[in-house]
N, C-alpha and C. Protein backbone atom coordinates (compact mmCIF):
# COMPACT_ATOMS: atom_id res chain seq x y z
N MET A 1 0.83 -1.16 -0.05
CA MET A 1 0.02 0.05 -0.06
C MET A 1 0.95 1.31 0.00
N ILE A 2 0.59 2.12 -0.64
CA ILE A 2 1.17 3.37 -0.83
C ILE A 2 0.29 4.55 -0.27
N ASP A 3 0.74 5.47 0.83
CA ASP A 3 0.25 6.58 1.31
C ASP A 3 0.61 7.66 0.47
N LEU A 4 -0.45 8.73 -0.35
CA LEU A 4 -0.14 9.59 -1.17
C LEU A 4 -0.65 10.87 -0.48
N TYR A 5 0.42 11.82 -0.14
CA TYR A 5 0.21 12.99 0.37
C TYR A 5 0.05 14.08 -0.71
N TYR A 6 -1.18 14.67 -0.68
CA TYR A 6 -1.71 15.25 -2.06
C TYR A 6 -2.37 16.57 -1.88
N SER A 7 -2.40 17.25 -2.83
CA SER A 7 -3.38 18.38 -3.30
C SER A 7 -3.61 18.34 -4.80
N PRO A 8 -4.82 18.85 -5.06
CA PRO A 8 -5.25 18.60 -6.64
C PRO A 8 -4.77 19.59 -7.46
N THR A 9 -3.44 19.72 -7.53
CA THR A 9 -2.60 20.69 -8.59
C THR A 9 -1.87 19.95 -9.51
N PRO A 10 -1.37 20.65 -10.51
CA PRO A 10 -0.78 19.71 -11.68
C PRO A 10 0.11 18.88 -11.18
N ASN A 11 0.88 18.81 -10.14
CA ASN A 11 2.01 18.11 -9.66
C ASN A 11 1.31 17.03 -8.98
N GLY A 12 0.39 17.29 -8.28
CA GLY A 12 -0.44 16.03 -7.60
C GLY A 12 -1.24 15.07 -8.49
N HIS A 13 -1.58 15.58 -9.61
CA HIS A 13 -2.46 14.82 -10.46
C HIS A 13 -1.32 13.84 -11.33
N LYS A 14 0.05 14.41 -11.44
CA LYS A 14 0.88 13.71 -11.99
C LYS A 14 0.84 12.02 -11.34
N ILE A 15 0.91 12.21 -9.87
CA ILE A 15 1.03 10.95 -9.23
C ILE A 15 -0.02 10.16 -9.25
N THR A 16 -1.32 10.79 -9.09
CA THR A 16 -2.60 10.02 -9.08
C THR A 16 -2.75 9.35 -10.50
N ILE A 17 -2.47 10.08 -11.57
CA ILE A 17 -2.33 9.30 -12.81
C ILE A 17 -1.52 8.19 -12.88
N ALA A 18 -0.31 8.54 -12.49
CA ALA A 18 0.82 7.21 -12.58
C ALA A 18 0.21 6.21 -11.89
N LEU A 19 -0.43 6.29 -10.50
CA LEU A 19 -1.03 5.10 -9.55
C LEU A 19 -2.17 4.63 -10.17
N GLU A 20 -3.09 5.30 -11.02
CA GLU A 20 -4.12 4.90 -11.37
C GLU A 20 -3.66 3.79 -12.69
N GLU A 21 -2.68 4.37 -13.60
CA GLU A 21 -2.21 3.82 -14.72
C GLU A 21 -1.56 2.32 -14.35
N LEU A 22 -0.60 2.53 -13.37
CA LEU A 22 -0.26 1.24 -12.85
C LEU A 22 -0.98 0.06 -11.94
N GLY A 23 -2.13 0.92 -11.47
CA GLY A 23 -3.02 -0.02 -10.82
C GLY A 23 -2.45 -0.35 -9.55
N LEU A 24 -1.71 0.51 -8.52
CA LEU A 24 -1.05 0.29 -7.28
C LEU A 24 -2.24 0.96 -6.52
N PRO A 25 -2.62 0.18 -5.29
CA PRO A 25 -3.41 0.71 -4.52
C PRO A 25 -2.70 1.65 -3.50
N TYR A 26 -3.64 2.83 -3.40
CA TYR A 26 -2.98 3.95 -2.50
C TYR A 26 -4.16 4.37 -1.52
N THR A 27 -3.58 5.25 -0.64
CA THR A 27 -4.54 5.81 0.28
C THR A 27 -4.37 7.21 0.21
N LEU A 28 -5.34 8.21 0.12
CA LEU A 28 -4.87 9.78 0.09
C LEU A 28 -5.07 10.29 1.17
N HIS A 29 -4.05 11.32 1.37
CA HIS A 29 -4.14 12.05 2.73
C HIS A 29 -3.87 13.51 2.00
N ARG A 30 -5.21 14.24 2.12
CA ARG A 30 -4.94 15.42 1.69
C ARG A 30 -4.55 16.46 2.48
N ILE A 31 -3.63 17.15 1.79
CA ILE A 31 -2.70 18.23 2.46
C ILE A 31 -3.36 19.73 2.16
N ASN A 32 -3.93 20.39 2.83
CA ASN A 32 -4.56 21.53 2.62
C ASN A 32 -3.54 22.82 2.78
N LEU A 33 -3.25 23.11 1.46
CA LEU A 33 -2.09 24.11 1.49
C LEU A 33 -2.47 25.36 1.93
N SER A 34 -3.89 25.83 1.75
CA SER A 34 -4.19 27.07 2.41
C SER A 34 -4.24 27.09 3.94
N LYS A 35 -4.21 25.91 4.63
CA LYS A 35 -4.09 25.83 5.95
C LYS A 35 -2.80 25.63 6.37
N GLY A 36 -1.91 25.43 5.78
CA GLY A 36 -0.43 25.34 6.03
C GLY A 36 0.03 23.94 6.40
N ASP A 37 -0.94 22.94 6.13
CA ASP A 37 -0.60 21.51 6.36
C ASP A 37 0.53 21.25 5.75
N GLN A 38 1.20 22.01 4.73
CA GLN A 38 2.43 21.48 4.25
C GLN A 38 3.65 21.71 5.12
N PHE A 39 3.45 22.70 6.30
CA PHE A 39 4.58 23.01 7.22
C PHE A 39 4.64 22.15 8.44
N ALA A 40 3.54 21.09 8.48
CA ALA A 40 3.42 20.19 9.63
C ALA A 40 4.61 19.46 9.60
N PRO A 41 5.36 19.24 11.08
CA PRO A 41 6.39 18.29 11.01
C PRO A 41 6.18 17.05 10.57
N ASP A 42 5.06 16.68 10.80
CA ASP A 42 4.99 15.26 10.25
C ASP A 42 5.18 14.98 8.78
N PHE A 43 4.52 16.03 8.15
CA PHE A 43 4.88 15.93 6.43
C PHE A 43 6.02 16.33 6.31
N LEU A 44 6.94 17.33 6.96
CA LEU A 44 8.19 17.80 6.54
C LEU A 44 9.05 16.65 6.74
N ALA A 45 8.90 15.62 7.31
CA ALA A 45 9.61 14.44 7.71
C ALA A 45 9.73 13.63 6.23
N ILE A 46 8.62 13.73 5.36
CA ILE A 46 8.93 13.03 4.31
C ILE A 46 8.76 13.90 3.15
N SER A 47 8.57 15.05 3.31
CA SER A 47 9.03 16.28 2.22
C SER A 47 9.37 17.31 2.93
N PRO A 48 10.71 17.37 2.86
CA PRO A 48 11.54 18.46 3.74
C PRO A 48 11.33 19.66 2.81
N ASN A 49 11.00 19.54 1.51
CA ASN A 49 10.84 21.14 0.90
C ASN A 49 9.38 21.49 1.18
N ASN A 50 8.55 21.26 1.92
CA ASN A 50 7.33 21.33 2.07
C ASN A 50 6.39 21.58 0.76
N LYS A 51 6.66 20.68 -0.22
CA LYS A 51 5.73 20.62 -1.48
C LYS A 51 5.10 19.29 -1.58
N ILE A 52 3.76 19.60 -2.35
CA ILE A 52 3.29 18.30 -2.45
C ILE A 52 3.65 17.76 -3.87
N PRO A 53 3.49 16.61 -4.24
CA PRO A 53 3.09 15.30 -3.55
C PRO A 53 4.28 15.01 -3.02
N ALA A 54 4.00 13.72 -2.00
CA ALA A 54 5.18 12.92 -1.45
C ALA A 54 4.40 11.31 -1.17
N ILE A 55 5.18 10.61 -1.29
CA ILE A 55 4.66 9.17 -1.13
C ILE A 55 5.26 8.50 0.14
N VAL A 56 4.67 7.59 0.62
CA VAL A 56 5.44 6.53 1.40
C VAL A 56 4.68 5.00 0.89
N ASP A 57 5.73 4.43 0.49
CA ASP A 57 5.45 3.07 -0.02
C ASP A 57 6.00 2.03 1.21
N HIS A 58 4.71 1.48 1.80
CA HIS A 58 5.13 0.43 2.80
C HIS A 58 5.76 -0.51 2.43
N ASP A 59 6.14 -0.89 1.01
CA ASP A 59 6.54 -2.15 0.51
C ASP A 59 7.74 -1.72 -0.53
N GLY A 60 8.53 -0.82 0.07
CA GLY A 60 9.80 -0.38 -0.80
C GLY A 60 10.93 -1.14 -0.85
N PHE A 61 12.12 -0.39 -0.50
CA PHE A 61 13.48 -1.37 -0.60
C PHE A 61 13.36 -2.45 0.37
N ASP A 62 13.67 -3.68 -0.30
CA ASP A 62 13.53 -4.88 0.78
C ASP A 62 12.52 -5.05 1.86
N GLY A 63 11.24 -4.51 1.17
CA GLY A 63 10.28 -4.61 1.81
C GLY A 63 9.92 -3.87 3.04
N GLN A 64 10.96 -2.69 3.00
CA GLN A 64 10.64 -1.59 4.12
C GLN A 64 9.96 -0.35 3.70
N PRO A 65 9.36 0.48 4.58
CA PRO A 65 8.59 1.64 4.13
C PRO A 65 9.74 2.42 3.49
N VAL A 66 9.31 3.25 2.64
CA VAL A 66 10.27 4.09 2.08
C VAL A 66 9.50 5.36 1.73
N SER A 67 10.00 6.81 1.82
CA SER A 67 9.39 7.72 1.45
C SER A 67 10.20 8.64 0.26
N ILE A 68 9.35 9.22 -0.56
CA ILE A 68 9.81 9.79 -1.59
C ILE A 68 9.00 11.08 -2.00
N PHE A 69 9.78 12.24 -2.23
CA PHE A 69 9.39 13.57 -2.59
C PHE A 69 10.01 13.96 -3.80
N GLU A 70 9.30 15.05 -4.36
CA GLU A 70 9.60 15.28 -5.71
C GLU A 70 8.97 14.78 -6.69
N THR A 71 8.00 15.00 -7.79
CA THR A 71 7.21 14.49 -8.44
C THR A 71 8.22 13.59 -9.68
N GLY A 72 9.43 14.13 -9.99
CA GLY A 72 9.99 13.19 -10.86
C GLY A 72 10.86 12.23 -10.26
N ALA A 73 11.20 12.15 -9.07
CA ALA A 73 11.73 11.22 -8.29
C ALA A 73 10.63 10.13 -7.91
N ILE A 74 9.43 10.60 -7.69
CA ILE A 74 8.46 9.71 -7.38
C ILE A 74 7.91 8.86 -8.75
N LEU A 75 7.87 9.63 -9.80
CA LEU A 75 7.50 9.04 -10.99
C LEU A 75 8.63 7.83 -11.56
N LEU A 76 9.78 8.19 -11.45
CA LEU A 76 11.16 7.20 -11.69
C LEU A 76 10.78 6.10 -10.72
N TYR A 77 10.62 6.24 -9.51
CA TYR A 77 10.34 5.07 -8.43
C TYR A 77 9.45 4.22 -8.70
N LEU A 78 8.21 4.62 -9.15
CA LEU A 78 7.06 3.87 -9.56
C LEU A 78 7.48 3.21 -11.05
N ALA A 79 8.00 3.85 -11.61
CA ALA A 79 8.13 2.97 -13.21
C ALA A 79 9.19 2.01 -12.64
N GLU A 80 10.22 2.19 -12.04
CA GLU A 80 11.15 1.30 -11.72
C GLU A 80 10.75 0.16 -10.86
N LYS A 81 9.75 0.44 -9.94
CA LYS A 81 9.36 -0.47 -9.06
C LYS A 81 8.38 -1.58 -9.98
N THR A 82 7.70 -1.08 -10.70
CA THR A 82 6.60 -1.82 -11.37
C THR A 82 7.50 -2.54 -12.88
N GLY A 83 8.33 -1.62 -13.50
CA GLY A 83 9.00 -1.94 -14.71
C GLY A 83 7.85 -1.66 -15.74
N LYS A 84 7.12 -0.80 -15.51
CA LYS A 84 6.35 -0.29 -16.65
C LYS A 84 6.31 1.26 -16.68
N LEU A 85 5.83 2.05 -17.68
CA LEU A 85 5.88 3.34 -18.20
C LEU A 85 7.26 3.86 -18.46
N MET A 86 8.29 3.03 -18.63
CA MET A 86 9.25 3.67 -18.99
C MET A 86 10.24 2.26 -19.12
N PRO A 87 11.14 2.50 -20.20
CA PRO A 87 12.04 1.37 -20.54
C PRO A 87 12.78 0.71 -19.54
N VAL A 88 12.97 -0.48 -19.22
CA VAL A 88 13.68 -0.85 -18.21
C VAL A 88 15.28 -0.81 -18.44
N ASP A 89 15.42 -1.09 -19.76
CA ASP A 89 17.14 -1.25 -19.91
C ASP A 89 17.47 -0.03 -20.49
N ALA A 90 18.75 0.47 -19.97
CA ALA A 90 19.54 1.71 -20.48
C ALA A 90 19.53 1.59 -22.14
N GLY A 91 19.41 2.69 -22.62
CA GLY A 91 19.42 2.71 -24.42
C GLY A 91 18.58 4.17 -24.72
N PRO A 92 18.68 4.30 -25.89
CA PRO A 92 18.11 5.33 -26.36
C PRO A 92 16.55 5.61 -26.16
N GLU A 93 15.71 4.75 -26.00
CA GLU A 93 14.40 4.92 -25.42
C GLU A 93 14.29 5.32 -24.07
N ARG A 94 14.91 4.88 -23.30
CA ARG A 94 14.95 5.29 -21.62
C ARG A 94 15.59 6.58 -21.62
N LYS A 95 16.56 6.86 -22.32
CA LYS A 95 17.17 8.40 -22.35
C LYS A 95 16.10 9.30 -22.89
N THR A 96 15.28 8.82 -23.79
CA THR A 96 14.56 10.03 -24.29
C THR A 96 13.22 10.44 -23.16
N VAL A 97 12.88 9.16 -22.69
CA VAL A 97 11.83 9.67 -21.42
C VAL A 97 12.35 10.37 -20.49
N LEU A 98 13.68 9.92 -19.76
CA LEU A 98 14.51 10.94 -19.29
C LEU A 98 14.36 12.38 -19.58
N GLU A 99 14.87 12.47 -20.83
CA GLU A 99 15.05 13.84 -21.22
C GLU A 99 13.71 14.54 -21.21
N TRP A 100 12.56 13.89 -21.59
CA TRP A 100 11.33 14.90 -21.27
C TRP A 100 10.64 14.78 -20.04
N LEU A 101 11.07 14.11 -19.39
CA LEU A 101 10.46 14.20 -17.78
C LEU A 101 11.32 15.33 -17.13
N MET A 102 12.81 15.27 -17.69
CA MET A 102 13.57 16.44 -16.87
C MET A 102 13.33 17.95 -17.66
N TRP A 103 12.59 17.82 -18.85
CA TRP A 103 12.36 19.03 -19.58
C TRP A 103 10.86 19.62 -19.08
N GLN A 104 9.97 18.73 -18.54
CA GLN A 104 8.78 19.05 -17.71
C GLN A 104 9.43 19.77 -16.35
N MET A 105 10.36 19.01 -15.73
CA MET A 105 10.41 19.60 -14.57
C MET A 105 11.20 20.79 -14.21
N GLY A 106 12.11 21.07 -15.19
CA GLY A 106 13.11 22.03 -15.31
C GLY A 106 12.49 23.34 -15.88
N GLY A 107 11.58 23.27 -16.85
CA GLY A 107 10.94 24.21 -17.82
C GLY A 107 9.60 24.37 -17.91
N PHE A 108 8.79 23.21 -18.22
CA PHE A 108 7.51 23.36 -18.73
C PHE A 108 6.63 23.57 -17.42
N GLY A 109 7.23 22.92 -16.33
CA GLY A 109 6.12 23.12 -15.11
C GLY A 109 6.27 24.53 -14.54
N PRO A 110 7.63 24.89 -14.20
CA PRO A 110 7.85 26.06 -13.40
C PRO A 110 7.58 27.26 -14.32
N MET A 111 7.82 27.26 -15.63
CA MET A 111 7.38 28.54 -16.39
C MET A 111 5.90 28.61 -16.38
N LEU A 112 5.05 27.52 -16.77
CA LEU A 112 3.69 27.71 -16.84
C LEU A 112 3.10 27.98 -15.51
N GLY A 113 3.65 27.47 -14.11
CA GLY A 113 3.25 27.87 -13.06
C GLY A 113 3.31 29.44 -12.72
N GLN A 114 4.47 29.83 -13.20
CA GLN A 114 4.51 31.39 -13.17
C GLN A 114 3.57 32.15 -13.99
N ALA A 115 3.57 31.65 -15.26
CA ALA A 115 2.50 32.10 -15.99
C ALA A 115 1.20 32.41 -15.44
N HIS A 116 0.75 31.30 -15.02
CA HIS A 116 -0.47 30.84 -14.32
C HIS A 116 -0.68 32.01 -13.12
N HIS A 117 0.27 31.99 -12.29
CA HIS A 117 0.52 32.99 -10.98
C HIS A 117 0.35 34.46 -11.27
N PHE A 118 1.12 35.03 -12.30
CA PHE A 118 0.95 36.21 -12.55
C PHE A 118 -0.11 36.66 -13.41
N ASN A 119 -0.79 35.69 -14.12
CA ASN A 119 -1.90 36.06 -15.07
C ASN A 119 -3.19 36.04 -14.11
N PHE A 120 -3.06 35.11 -13.22
CA PHE A 120 -4.43 34.79 -12.47
C PHE A 120 -4.48 34.91 -10.97
N TYR A 121 -3.34 34.81 -10.17
CA TYR A 121 -3.56 34.89 -8.79
C TYR A 121 -2.90 36.20 -8.30
N ALA A 122 -1.82 36.57 -9.00
CA ALA A 122 -1.28 37.93 -8.48
C ALA A 122 -2.25 39.07 -8.07
N LYS A 123 -2.35 39.64 -7.01
CA LYS A 123 -3.06 40.88 -6.84
C LYS A 123 -2.67 41.95 -7.70
N ASP A 124 -1.38 42.12 -7.84
CA ASP A 124 -0.80 43.25 -8.54
C ASP A 124 -0.65 42.54 -9.97
N LYS A 125 -1.17 43.22 -10.93
CA LYS A 125 -0.98 42.79 -12.24
C LYS A 125 0.20 43.58 -12.90
N ILE A 126 1.27 42.73 -12.85
CA ILE A 126 2.53 43.07 -13.57
C ILE A 126 2.71 42.61 -14.62
N GLY A 127 2.76 43.91 -15.92
CA GLY A 127 2.73 43.51 -17.24
C GLY A 127 4.10 42.94 -17.58
N TYR A 128 5.38 43.12 -17.18
CA TYR A 128 6.41 42.64 -17.59
C TYR A 128 6.45 41.12 -17.28
N ALA A 129 5.96 40.97 -16.18
CA ALA A 129 5.98 39.50 -15.60
C ALA A 129 4.95 38.66 -16.36
N MET A 130 3.72 39.06 -16.45
CA MET A 130 2.78 38.46 -17.23
C MET A 130 3.21 38.14 -18.60
N ASP A 131 3.92 39.18 -19.45
CA ASP A 131 4.28 39.00 -20.97
C ASP A 131 5.45 38.12 -20.91
N ARG A 132 6.28 38.02 -19.82
CA ARG A 132 7.49 37.44 -19.69
C ARG A 132 7.07 35.72 -19.93
N TYR A 133 6.36 35.36 -18.77
CA TYR A 133 6.09 34.09 -18.77
C TYR A 133 5.07 33.54 -19.71
N SER A 134 4.17 34.58 -20.00
CA SER A 134 3.12 34.00 -21.12
C SER A 134 3.74 33.65 -22.18
N ASN A 135 4.71 34.47 -22.82
CA ASN A 135 5.60 34.09 -23.93
C ASN A 135 6.38 33.06 -23.65
N GLU A 136 6.92 32.90 -22.60
CA GLU A 136 7.74 31.45 -22.48
C GLU A 136 6.85 30.37 -22.53
N ALA A 137 5.86 30.43 -21.82
CA ALA A 137 4.70 29.50 -22.06
C ALA A 137 4.41 29.13 -23.37
N ASN A 138 3.92 29.94 -24.28
CA ASN A 138 3.77 29.78 -25.75
C ASN A 138 5.01 29.22 -26.26
N ARG A 139 6.23 29.63 -26.12
CA ARG A 139 7.50 28.94 -26.57
C ARG A 139 7.47 27.57 -26.29
N LEU A 140 7.04 27.10 -25.05
CA LEU A 140 7.42 25.79 -24.61
C LEU A 140 6.11 24.81 -25.22
N TYR A 141 5.15 25.35 -25.37
CA TYR A 141 4.06 24.72 -26.03
C TYR A 141 4.39 24.47 -27.56
N GLY A 142 5.23 25.07 -28.02
CA GLY A 142 5.83 25.20 -29.44
C GLY A 142 6.55 24.09 -29.37
N VAL A 143 7.63 24.10 -28.59
CA VAL A 143 8.52 23.06 -28.30
C VAL A 143 7.92 21.61 -28.34
N LEU A 144 6.91 21.60 -27.35
CA LEU A 144 6.02 20.22 -27.19
C LEU A 144 5.28 19.80 -28.63
N ASP A 145 4.87 20.86 -29.27
CA ASP A 145 4.00 20.43 -30.58
C ASP A 145 5.04 19.95 -31.56
N ARG A 146 6.29 20.54 -31.68
CA ARG A 146 7.32 20.09 -32.52
C ARG A 146 7.74 18.61 -32.40
N ARG A 147 7.78 18.39 -31.07
CA ARG A 147 8.02 17.10 -30.50
C ARG A 147 7.11 16.09 -30.81
N LEU A 148 5.74 16.38 -30.83
CA LEU A 148 4.80 15.54 -31.08
C LEU A 148 4.32 15.33 -32.42
N GLN A 149 5.04 15.98 -33.63
CA GLN A 149 4.66 15.82 -34.78
C GLN A 149 5.13 14.46 -35.22
N GLY A 150 3.94 13.92 -35.78
CA GLY A 150 4.16 12.47 -36.41
C GLY A 150 4.16 11.59 -35.05
N ARG A 151 4.04 11.78 -33.72
CA ARG A 151 4.38 10.98 -32.76
C ARG A 151 2.85 10.92 -31.95
N ASP A 152 2.48 9.61 -31.50
CA ASP A 152 1.23 9.54 -30.42
C ASP A 152 1.76 10.16 -29.33
N PHE A 153 3.13 9.97 -28.78
CA PHE A 153 3.55 10.32 -27.29
C PHE A 153 4.86 10.87 -27.43
N VAL A 154 4.99 11.49 -26.29
CA VAL A 154 6.35 12.36 -26.31
C VAL A 154 7.50 11.82 -26.67
N ALA A 155 7.63 10.53 -25.88
CA ALA A 155 8.67 9.62 -26.04
C ALA A 155 8.66 8.41 -26.74
N GLY A 156 7.81 8.28 -27.63
CA GLY A 156 7.51 7.05 -28.47
C GLY A 156 6.30 6.44 -27.84
N ASP A 157 6.64 5.27 -26.77
CA ASP A 157 5.62 4.96 -26.29
C ASP A 157 5.00 5.78 -25.04
N TYR A 158 3.70 5.35 -24.67
CA TYR A 158 3.19 6.24 -23.48
C TYR A 158 4.09 5.76 -22.32
N SER A 159 4.51 7.10 -21.70
CA SER A 159 5.41 6.93 -20.48
C SER A 159 5.17 7.87 -19.37
N ILE A 160 5.83 7.66 -18.59
CA ILE A 160 5.94 8.81 -17.30
C ILE A 160 6.20 10.25 -17.87
N ALA A 161 6.75 10.31 -19.10
CA ALA A 161 7.07 12.06 -19.62
C ALA A 161 5.68 12.48 -19.81
N ASP A 162 4.85 11.53 -20.60
CA ASP A 162 3.42 12.19 -21.00
C ASP A 162 2.66 12.39 -19.74
N ILE A 163 2.81 11.52 -18.63
CA ILE A 163 2.14 11.72 -17.41
C ILE A 163 2.61 13.34 -16.74
N ALA A 164 3.76 13.51 -16.85
CA ALA A 164 4.55 14.41 -16.07
C ALA A 164 3.90 15.83 -16.77
N ILE A 165 4.02 15.79 -18.07
CA ILE A 165 3.58 17.20 -18.72
C ILE A 165 2.22 17.42 -18.71
N PHE A 166 1.11 16.39 -19.04
CA PHE A 166 -0.11 16.72 -19.17
C PHE A 166 -0.97 17.40 -18.18
N PRO A 167 -0.81 17.07 -16.88
CA PRO A 167 -1.58 18.00 -16.00
C PRO A 167 -1.23 19.57 -16.21
N TRP A 168 -0.32 19.79 -16.69
CA TRP A 168 0.29 21.40 -16.67
C TRP A 168 -0.39 22.05 -17.88
N THR A 169 -0.95 21.10 -18.68
CA THR A 169 -1.53 21.69 -20.07
C THR A 169 -3.23 21.89 -19.68
N ARG A 170 -3.38 21.51 -18.26
CA ARG A 170 -4.94 21.68 -18.01
C ARG A 170 -5.57 23.12 -18.09
N THR A 171 -4.70 23.99 -17.60
CA THR A 171 -5.24 25.44 -17.58
C THR A 171 -4.56 26.41 -18.63
N TYR A 172 -4.42 25.80 -19.48
CA TYR A 172 -3.71 26.56 -20.59
C TYR A 172 -4.27 28.25 -20.64
N GLU A 173 -5.41 28.39 -20.74
CA GLU A 173 -6.14 29.62 -20.97
C GLU A 173 -5.64 30.63 -19.86
N ARG A 174 -5.27 30.11 -18.62
CA ARG A 174 -4.68 30.94 -17.54
C ARG A 174 -3.37 31.29 -17.77
N GLN A 175 -2.90 30.69 -18.32
CA GLN A 175 -1.31 30.76 -18.97
C GLN A 175 -1.06 31.78 -20.09
N HIS A 176 -2.34 32.03 -20.68
CA HIS A 176 -2.48 32.90 -21.73
C HIS A 176 -1.95 32.19 -22.81
N VAL A 177 -1.95 30.92 -23.02
CA VAL A 177 -1.55 30.15 -24.13
C VAL A 177 -2.44 30.09 -25.36
N THR A 178 -2.23 30.42 -26.62
CA THR A 178 -2.92 30.21 -27.57
C THR A 178 -2.71 28.70 -28.49
N ILE A 179 -3.57 27.78 -27.65
CA ILE A 179 -3.18 26.37 -27.98
C ILE A 179 -3.52 25.93 -29.34
N GLU A 180 -4.33 26.95 -30.10
CA GLU A 180 -4.92 26.42 -31.41
C GLU A 180 -3.49 26.50 -32.33
N GLN A 181 -2.54 27.21 -31.76
CA GLN A 181 -1.29 27.20 -32.35
C GLN A 181 -0.46 26.02 -32.25
N SER A 182 -0.76 24.94 -31.37
CA SER A 182 -0.10 24.02 -31.27
C SER A 182 -0.94 22.58 -31.57
N PRO A 183 -1.32 22.58 -32.75
CA PRO A 183 -2.48 21.33 -32.93
C PRO A 183 -1.91 20.21 -32.82
N ASN A 184 -0.60 19.54 -32.82
CA ASN A 184 -0.17 18.42 -32.38
C ASN A 184 -0.60 18.20 -30.84
N VAL A 185 -0.53 19.31 -29.85
CA VAL A 185 -0.70 19.21 -28.67
C VAL A 185 -2.06 19.30 -28.42
N VAL A 186 -2.81 19.54 -29.22
CA VAL A 186 -4.31 19.42 -29.04
C VAL A 186 -5.04 18.02 -29.33
N ARG A 187 -4.05 17.38 -30.18
CA ARG A 187 -4.34 15.95 -30.71
C ARG A 187 -3.93 15.16 -29.56
N TRP A 188 -2.77 15.47 -29.13
CA TRP A 188 -2.31 14.68 -27.75
C TRP A 188 -3.31 14.81 -26.43
N ARG A 189 -3.33 15.93 -26.39
CA ARG A 189 -4.33 16.30 -24.89
C ARG A 189 -5.57 15.37 -25.07
N LYS A 190 -6.25 15.42 -26.39
CA LYS A 190 -7.41 14.70 -26.48
C LYS A 190 -7.34 13.05 -26.43
N ASN A 191 -6.11 12.60 -26.74
CA ASN A 191 -5.81 11.07 -26.67
C ASN A 191 -5.40 10.78 -24.95
N MET A 192 -4.98 11.74 -24.28
CA MET A 192 -4.50 11.63 -23.22
C MET A 192 -5.92 11.70 -22.31
N PHE A 193 -6.80 12.57 -22.42
CA PHE A 193 -8.07 12.81 -21.80
C PHE A 193 -8.96 11.52 -22.23
N ALA A 194 -8.74 10.73 -22.96
CA ALA A 194 -9.44 9.57 -23.33
C ALA A 194 -9.07 8.32 -22.39
N ARG A 195 -7.96 8.45 -21.97
CA ARG A 195 -7.38 7.17 -21.40
C ARG A 195 -8.30 7.17 -20.21
N PRO A 196 -8.88 6.17 -19.64
CA PRO A 196 -9.73 5.82 -18.63
C PRO A 196 -8.84 6.01 -17.20
N ALA A 197 -7.49 5.79 -16.95
CA ALA A 197 -6.91 6.04 -15.84
C ALA A 197 -6.49 7.40 -15.84
N VAL A 198 -6.24 8.35 -16.73
CA VAL A 198 -6.04 9.71 -16.40
C VAL A 198 -7.36 10.25 -16.19
N GLN A 199 -8.27 9.87 -16.60
CA GLN A 199 -9.60 10.43 -16.25
C GLN A 199 -10.02 10.36 -14.73
N ARG A 200 -9.48 9.09 -14.17
CA ARG A 200 -9.70 8.68 -12.80
C ARG A 200 -8.62 9.36 -12.06
N GLY A 201 -7.38 9.52 -12.70
CA GLY A 201 -6.34 10.45 -11.72
C GLY A 201 -6.58 11.92 -11.73
N MET A 202 -7.02 12.49 -12.80
CA MET A 202 -7.50 13.85 -12.71
C MET A 202 -8.66 14.22 -11.99
N LYS A 203 -9.55 13.30 -11.70
CA LYS A 203 -10.74 13.33 -10.73
C LYS A 203 -10.53 13.45 -9.16
N VAL A 204 -9.27 12.85 -9.16
CA VAL A 204 -9.05 12.72 -7.31
C VAL A 204 -9.17 14.06 -6.91
């Protein structure tokens, strides 16, 4: 059994989708960010950067409980634990999954998060920040669109790379992204939404 410490954000949905795709049983523990649950000592013990999500796998290494924080690390752990959603053997296919997973973590997620914040949540509307991050968000959608040209999924077969990227596209309007300019992303999003496990994961 896996304990998932969670809030319904793009990063949280990465892990619910992965767990649903893998068919792994999990218990959900809601972290109320507005109430500051992320700063509780018990949560910081498993997620020292006070960010969701985090997991505790009670059947971890050598059958012992193990905690993991950071979504990229969690996705890699779950893929390696099950031998699914990522090539097992070293080679170009595994390398490509890792590249696009890191692309999401290092750029797509952080930049879209900033665009979302300055366009939607910030009390003071700072034109420079809104333009900077919205322009970068549109550029990154263009990178993704070119990658998906002639491909069903980002790294060949369906993988944790798709799972990591997809939830961040949920609120493209708030990122001020003109998604019609990325027709391959539109197609890919439709195919992702059609997956039952993705639907279940996004509803959590």
